[in-house]
Amino acid sequence: MLTVYGIPNCDTVKKARTWLEKHNIEYAFHNYKTDGIGKDRIKVWFKQYPWDKVVNKASTTWKGLSDEEIALITDEKSAAKLMISHTSVIKRPLIEDESGKAVALGFSEKDYQEKFL
């Protein structure tokens, strides 16, 4: 079963969940707001995606950081620390397969068709 990481009120997460449900693909939902995220999980994601792709620089959270805070995000370690303290800065949704490998980042109907159908 897939695991979808995100926040329930995010439009992109809603699109992804709707697409999965429409195609009868089972998934578990991990809500960052209530369940948080750990450093070990983030490290696994960085094996599939570069840290600067997992950090959503278009997010309201990122844009709300000070220039000084942004300047400190220079590598996996600093990005992981930011993602743990500000889960809304993680690109959404991030989807893992049954083995725990990150297989999708964000929502693209074309990518989802290729990966999940």
Protein backbone atom coordinates (compact mmCIF):
# COMPACT_ATOMS: atom_id res chain seq x y z
CA MET A 1 0.00 0.00 0.00
CA LEU A 2 1.18 3.51 -0.77
CA THR A 3 1.68 6.18 1.87
CA VAL A 4 0.73 9.74 0.95
CA TYR A 5 2.47 12.42 3.02
CA GLY A 6 0.93 15.87 3.18
CA ILE A 7 -1.60 18.12 4.83
CA PRO A 8 -5.33 17.61 4.23
CA ASN A 9 -6.21 21.18 3.21
CA CYS A 10 -3.50 21.44 0.50
CA ASP A 11 -5.07 21.65 -2.97
CA THR A 12 -2.30 19.58 -4.55
CA VAL A 13 -2.72 16.86 -1.93
CA LYS A 14 -6.48 16.90 -2.53
CA LYS A 15 -5.92 16.44 -6.28
CA ALA A 16 -3.54 13.54 -5.67
CA ARG A 17 -5.85 11.82 -3.21
CA THR A 18 -8.84 12.26 -5.52
CA TRP A 19 -6.85 10.79 -8.42
CA LEU A 20 -5.75 7.78 -6.34
CA GLU A 21 -9.29 7.16 -5.10
CA LYS A 22 -10.74 7.51 -8.63
CA HIS A 23 -8.33 4.77 -9.76
CA ASN A 24 -9.06 2.56 -6.73
CA ILE A 25 -5.50 2.75 -5.46
CA GLU A 26 -5.28 2.11 -1.73
CA TYR A 27 -3.12 4.39 0.36
CA ALA A 28 -2.54 5.47 3.92
CA PHE A 29 -2.48 9.20 4.60
CA HIS A 30 0.23 10.69 6.82
CA ASN A 31 -0.80 14.13 8.03
CA TYR A 32 2.23 16.27 8.82
CA LYS A 33 0.16 18.54 11.05
CA THR A 34 -0.90 15.76 13.41
CA ASP A 35 1.80 13.12 12.84
CA GLY A 36 4.90 15.26 12.19
CA ILE A 37 7.91 13.81 10.42
CA GLY A 38 11.22 12.40 11.61
CA LYS A 39 14.80 12.88 10.51
CA ASP A 40 15.19 9.22 9.52
CA ARG A 41 12.23 9.37 7.12
CA ILE A 42 13.57 12.56 5.52
CA LYS A 43 17.00 10.94 5.06
CA VAL A 44 15.35 8.12 3.10
CA TRP A 45 13.60 10.65 0.85
CA PHE A 46 16.90 12.39 0.15
CA LYS A 47 18.13 9.12 -1.36
CA GLN A 48 15.43 9.41 -4.04
CA TYR A 49 15.20 13.20 -4.43
CA PRO A 50 17.71 16.02 -3.88
CA TRP A 51 16.99 18.05 -0.76
CA ASP A 52 16.29 21.20 -2.76
CA LYS A 53 13.46 19.38 -4.60
CA VAL A 54 11.89 18.15 -1.37
CA VAL A 55 11.92 21.67 0.09
CA ASN A 56 9.03 23.55 -1.49
CA LYS A 57 10.47 26.99 -2.17
CA ALA A 58 7.14 28.12 -3.64
CA SER A 59 5.33 27.47 -0.35
CA THR A 60 3.91 30.19 1.86
CA THR A 61 6.02 28.79 4.69
CA TRP A 62 9.28 29.17 2.71
CA LYS A 63 8.31 32.67 1.60
CA GLY A 64 7.61 33.57 5.23
CA LEU A 65 11.14 32.71 6.35
CA SER A 66 13.57 35.55 6.90
CA ASP A 67 16.50 36.03 4.54
CA GLU A 68 18.77 34.92 7.39
CA GLU A 69 16.80 31.67 7.87
CA ILE A 70 16.83 30.95 4.13
CA ALA A 71 20.57 31.56 3.96
CA LEU A 72 21.09 28.77 6.54
CA ILE A 73 19.45 26.12 4.32
CA THR A 74 22.46 24.92 2.35
CA ASP A 75 22.53 21.12 2.60
CA GLU A 76 20.62 17.99 3.58
CA LYS A 77 21.21 18.47 7.30
CA SER A 78 19.93 22.05 7.42
CA ALA A 79 17.03 21.22 5.07
CA ALA A 80 15.98 18.27 7.25
CA LYS A 81 16.06 20.43 10.37
CA LEU A 82 13.82 23.00 8.65
CA MET A 83 11.40 20.31 7.43
CA ILE A 84 11.04 18.84 10.91
CA SER A 85 10.28 22.23 12.47
CA HIS A 86 8.16 23.54 9.55
CA THR A 87 6.49 20.53 7.91
CA SER A 88 4.54 22.79 5.54
CA VAL A 89 7.79 23.52 3.70
CA ILE A 90 7.94 19.92 2.44
CA LYS A 91 6.79 19.56 -1.19
CA ARG A 92 3.41 17.90 -1.23
CA PRO A 93 2.36 15.26 -1.61
CA LEU A 94 5.28 12.92 -1.25
CA ILE A 95 4.28 9.33 -1.94
CA GLU A 96 6.10 6.21 -0.80
CA ASP A 97 5.63 2.70 -2.11
CA GLU A 98 5.19 -0.39 0.07
CA SER A 99 8.95 -0.63 0.66
CA GLY A 100 9.18 2.94 2.01
CA LYS A 101 10.85 4.34 -1.11
CA ALA A 102 9.73 7.81 -2.22
CA VAL A 103 8.23 7.32 -5.69
CA ALA A 104 6.36 10.57 -6.38
CA LEU A 105 6.77 14.20 -5.40
CA GLY A 106 3.98 16.64 -6.10
CA PHE A 107 1.07 15.83 -8.41
CA SER A 108 1.20 15.14 -12.12
CA GLU A 109 -1.57 13.07 -13.66
CA LYS A 110 0.82 11.86 -16.39
CA ASP A 111 3.43 10.75 -13.83
CA TYR A 112 0.81 9.07 -11.66
CA GLN A 113 -0.55 7.12 -14.66
CA GLU A 114 2.97 5.91 -15.48
CA LYS A 115 3.83 4.98 -11.90
CA PHE A 116 0.60 3.69 -10.41
CA LEU A 117 -1.48 2.19 -13.22
